[in-house]
């Protein structure tokens, strides 16, 4: 069952659940889009290149929660009190509503509902060998690391060098949780993680 689920069933669950999610959440999508557009300058969506399965790059989509800037010149991690986050962005981030458009990534097959969170190449280069295993599966919207580090921004706020703290302290802990997930992928574990994320 586990092998079948990994090869076929997981994608079936992704398609069914993400399609249903997009349809049911469409009114909420429209409300959030209007609020973002009318409260700050810039696009509704934030699109960023992440590294997917087998190190293949893809564009991950989120609702924009920050002011528009050049990401190549700024830290890619955020912490509590980050001045780049807009007022509406603070609410979206608090309740993880900025992540909802990733259901579209799940539909197009670049992401899964459950799996290791997709990372940017700028940080993966520090742990490339470790990510050979992690990226043997599709990245996901949620997983056990996402739940464990749901207050990541508050954790990073404790450090002066936030980017360094993310790379040296948080990433190793996340990678351990990613590997634990990969070793034990089942339909039941994925469903549990989905409901645990929601509640």
Protein backbone atom coordinates (compact mmCIF):
# COMPACT_ATOMS: atom_id res chain seq x y z
CA UNK A 1 0.00 0.00 0.00
CA UNK A 2 2.81 2.40 0.91
CA UNK A 3 4.64 1.84 -2.40
CA UNK A 4 1.42 2.18 -4.40
CA UNK A 5 0.54 5.37 -2.54
CA UNK A 6 3.97 6.89 -3.16
CA UNK A 7 3.86 6.13 -6.89
CA UNK A 8 0.20 6.70 -7.78
CA UNK A 9 -2.10 7.41 -4.86
CA UNK A 10 -0.29 10.48 -3.58
CA UNK A 11 -0.72 12.30 -6.89
CA UNK A 12 -4.38 11.30 -6.99
CA UNK A 13 -4.95 12.76 -3.53
CA UNK A 14 -3.10 15.93 -4.56
CA UNK A 15 -5.26 16.48 -7.64
CA UNK A 16 -8.56 15.78 -5.89
CA UNK A 17 -7.87 17.80 -2.73
CA UNK A 18 -6.21 20.78 -4.43
CA UNK A 19 -8.96 21.08 -7.05
CA UNK A 20 -11.61 20.90 -4.34
CA UNK A 21 -9.66 23.41 -2.25
CA UNK A 22 -9.35 25.94 -5.08
CA UNK A 23 -13.08 25.71 -5.87
CA UNK A 24 -14.18 26.05 -2.23
CA UNK A 25 -11.70 28.81 -1.39
CA UNK A 26 -12.21 30.87 -4.56
CA UNK A 27 -14.35 33.53 -2.77
CA UNK A 28 -11.65 33.87 -0.10
CA UNK A 29 -8.99 34.13 -2.82
CA UNK A 30 -10.89 37.02 -4.41
CA UNK A 31 -11.35 38.86 -1.10
CA UNK A 32 -7.66 38.54 -0.21
CA UNK A 33 -6.62 39.64 -3.71
CA UNK A 34 -8.77 42.79 -3.51
CA UNK A 35 -7.45 43.70 -0.05
CA UNK A 36 -3.82 43.23 -1.11
CA UNK A 37 -4.29 45.30 -4.25
CA UNK A 38 -6.04 48.16 -2.47
CA UNK A 39 -3.76 48.40 0.57
CA UNK A 40 -0.26 48.32 -0.94
CA UNK A 41 1.53 48.85 -4.22
CA UNK A 42 2.52 45.81 -6.20
CA UNK A 43 1.07 42.58 -7.60
CA UNK A 44 -1.38 40.33 -5.78
CA UNK A 45 0.88 37.31 -6.03
CA UNK A 46 4.48 36.79 -5.01
CA UNK A 47 6.24 34.35 -7.32
CA UNK A 48 9.63 33.01 -6.32
CA UNK A 49 11.87 30.34 -7.82
CA UNK A 50 12.30 27.36 -5.53
CA UNK A 51 14.06 24.04 -5.96
CA UNK A 52 11.77 21.09 -6.61
CA UNK A 53 12.05 17.34 -7.00
CA UNK A 54 15.40 16.18 -8.41
CA UNK A 55 16.71 19.76 -8.06
CA UNK A 56 14.40 21.03 -10.80
CA UNK A 57 13.56 24.74 -10.34
CA UNK A 58 9.94 25.87 -10.36
CA UNK A 59 7.97 29.02 -9.58
CA UNK A 60 6.16 28.85 -6.26
CA UNK A 61 3.21 31.22 -5.87
CA UNK A 62 2.00 32.92 -2.69
CA UNK A 63 -0.16 35.91 -1.87
CA UNK A 64 2.17 38.89 -1.57
CA UNK A 65 2.65 39.80 2.07
CA UNK A 66 5.64 42.14 1.78
CA UNK A 67 6.54 45.38 0.07
CA UNK A 68 8.06 44.95 -3.38
CA UNK A 69 11.84 44.82 -3.40
CA UNK A 70 14.78 43.13 -5.07
CA UNK A 71 15.17 39.78 -3.31
CA UNK A 72 18.73 39.37 -4.54
CA UNK A 73 19.78 42.26 -2.30
CA UNK A 74 17.79 41.34 0.79
CA UNK A 75 17.62 38.47 3.26
CA UNK A 76 15.22 35.78 2.11
CA UNK A 77 14.20 34.98 5.68
CA UNK A 78 11.80 37.06 7.72
CA UNK A 79 11.31 37.42 11.45
CA UNK A 80 8.74 39.01 13.72
CA UNK A 81 8.75 42.78 13.32
CA UNK A 82 10.24 42.71 9.81
CA UNK A 83 9.45 46.15 8.36
CA UNK A 84 9.06 44.69 4.86
CA UNK A 85 5.85 42.87 5.85
CA UNK A 86 2.68 44.85 5.11
CA UNK A 87 -0.20 45.19 7.58
CA UNK A 88 -2.39 42.77 5.68
CA UNK A 89 0.70 40.60 5.21
CA UNK A 90 1.02 40.22 8.97
CA UNK A 91 -2.49 38.75 9.12
CA UNK A 92 -1.93 36.51 6.10
CA UNK A 93 1.29 35.16 7.58
CA UNK A 94 -0.17 34.66 11.03
CA UNK A 95 -2.88 32.37 9.69
CA UNK A 96 -0.75 31.00 6.79
CA UNK A 97 -3.28 32.37 4.28
CA UNK A 98 -0.44 33.60 2.07
CA UNK A 99 0.34 29.94 1.33
CA UNK A 100 -3.08 29.12 -0.14
CA UNK A 101 -2.18 29.85 -3.81
CA UNK A 102 0.27 26.95 -3.62
CA UNK A 103 -2.76 24.77 -4.26
CA UNK A 104 -2.16 25.83 -7.88
CA UNK A 105 1.38 24.45 -7.64
CA UNK A 106 -0.10 21.18 -6.39
CA UNK A 107 -2.54 21.09 -9.30
CA UNK A 108 0.21 21.60 -11.90
CA UNK A 109 2.33 18.89 -10.31
CA UNK A 110 5.30 20.94 -9.10
CA UNK A 111 4.30 20.48 -5.46
CA UNK A 112 2.39 18.04 -3.29
CA UNK A 113 -0.04 18.76 -0.46
CA UNK A 114 2.37 17.11 1.97
CA UNK A 115 6.12 17.06 1.62
CA UNK A 116 9.31 18.91 2.60
CA UNK A 117 8.89 22.65 2.22
CA UNK A 118 10.51 23.94 -1.00
CA UNK A 119 13.69 25.91 -0.40
CA UNK A 120 15.57 28.51 -2.45
CA UNK A 121 18.82 27.48 -4.14
CA UNK A 122 20.68 30.13 -2.14
CA UNK A 123 20.29 28.01 1.00
CA UNK A 124 20.28 24.52 -0.49
CA UNK A 125 23.87 25.01 -1.67
CA UNK A 126 24.99 24.70 1.97
CA UNK A 127 23.46 21.22 2.27
CA UNK A 128 23.44 19.86 -1.27
CA UNK A 129 24.29 16.26 -0.34
CA UNK A 130 21.54 16.15 2.29
CA UNK A 131 19.03 17.53 -0.19
CA UNK A 132 19.69 14.70 -2.65
CA UNK A 133 17.46 12.56 -0.42
CA UNK A 134 15.04 15.33 0.54
CA UNK A 135 14.44 16.25 -3.10
CA UNK A 136 13.79 12.67 -4.12
CA UNK A 137 10.14 13.57 -3.40
CA UNK A 138 8.05 16.57 -4.38
CA UNK A 139 8.12 19.52 -1.99
CA UNK A 140 4.85 20.19 -0.22
CA UNK A 141 2.62 22.87 1.26
CA UNK A 142 2.91 21.32 4.71
CA UNK A 143 4.77 18.64 6.62
CA UNK A 144 5.91 17.88 10.14
CA UNK A 145 8.64 20.55 9.95
CA UNK A 146 6.09 23.21 8.96
CA UNK A 147 4.05 22.37 12.02
CA UNK A 148 7.07 22.18 14.32
CA UNK A 149 8.33 25.56 13.12
CA UNK A 150 4.99 27.35 12.79
CA UNK A 151 6.50 30.18 14.87
CA UNK A 152 9.74 30.33 12.92
CA UNK A 153 9.61 34.11 12.56
CA UNK A 154 9.47 34.51 16.34
CA UNK A 155 12.43 32.16 16.74
CA UNK A 156 14.51 34.09 14.20
CA UNK A 157 13.67 37.39 15.91
CA UNK A 158 15.90 36.29 18.80
CA UNK A 159 19.02 36.39 16.62
CA UNK A 160 20.97 39.36 15.29
CA UNK A 161 22.21 37.46 12.24
CA UNK A 162 18.90 35.98 11.17
CA UNK A 163 20.00 34.50 7.87
CA UNK A 164 22.96 32.76 9.51
CA UNK A 165 20.70 31.46 12.28
CA UNK A 166 18.31 30.05 9.69
CA UNK A 167 21.10 28.26 7.81
CA UNK A 168 23.03 26.95 10.80
CA UNK A 169 20.32 26.31 13.40
CA UNK A 170 16.91 25.91 11.79
CA UNK A 171 17.73 24.18 8.50
CA UNK A 172 19.49 21.19 10.14
CA UNK A 173 16.47 20.60 12.38
CA UNK A 174 14.09 20.89 9.43
CA UNK A 175 16.16 18.47 7.36
CA UNK A 176 15.95 15.84 10.10
CA UNK A 177 12.16 16.18 10.14
CA UNK A 178 12.06 16.03 6.31
CA UNK A 179 14.00 12.76 6.37
CA UNK A 180 11.71 11.33 9.05
CA UNK A 181 8.73 12.13 6.82
CA UNK A 182 10.29 10.61 3.70
CA UNK A 183 11.03 7.35 5.51
CA UNK A 184 7.40 6.98 6.63
CA UNK A 185 5.19 8.26 3.79
CA UNK A 186 1.74 6.68 3.90
CA UNK A 187 -1.79 7.80 3.03
CA UNK A 188 -2.71 7.85 6.71
CA UNK A 189 0.32 9.93 7.72
CA UNK A 190 -0.39 12.47 4.97
CA UNK A 191 -4.05 12.80 5.96
CA UNK A 192 -3.05 13.25 9.60
CA UNK A 193 -0.59 16.00 8.66
CA UNK A 194 -3.19 17.78 6.51
CA UNK A 195 -5.73 17.86 9.34
CA UNK A 196 -3.08 18.73 11.90
CA UNK A 197 -2.10 21.70 9.72
CA UNK A 198 -5.69 22.88 9.38
CA UNK A 199 -6.50 22.67 13.08
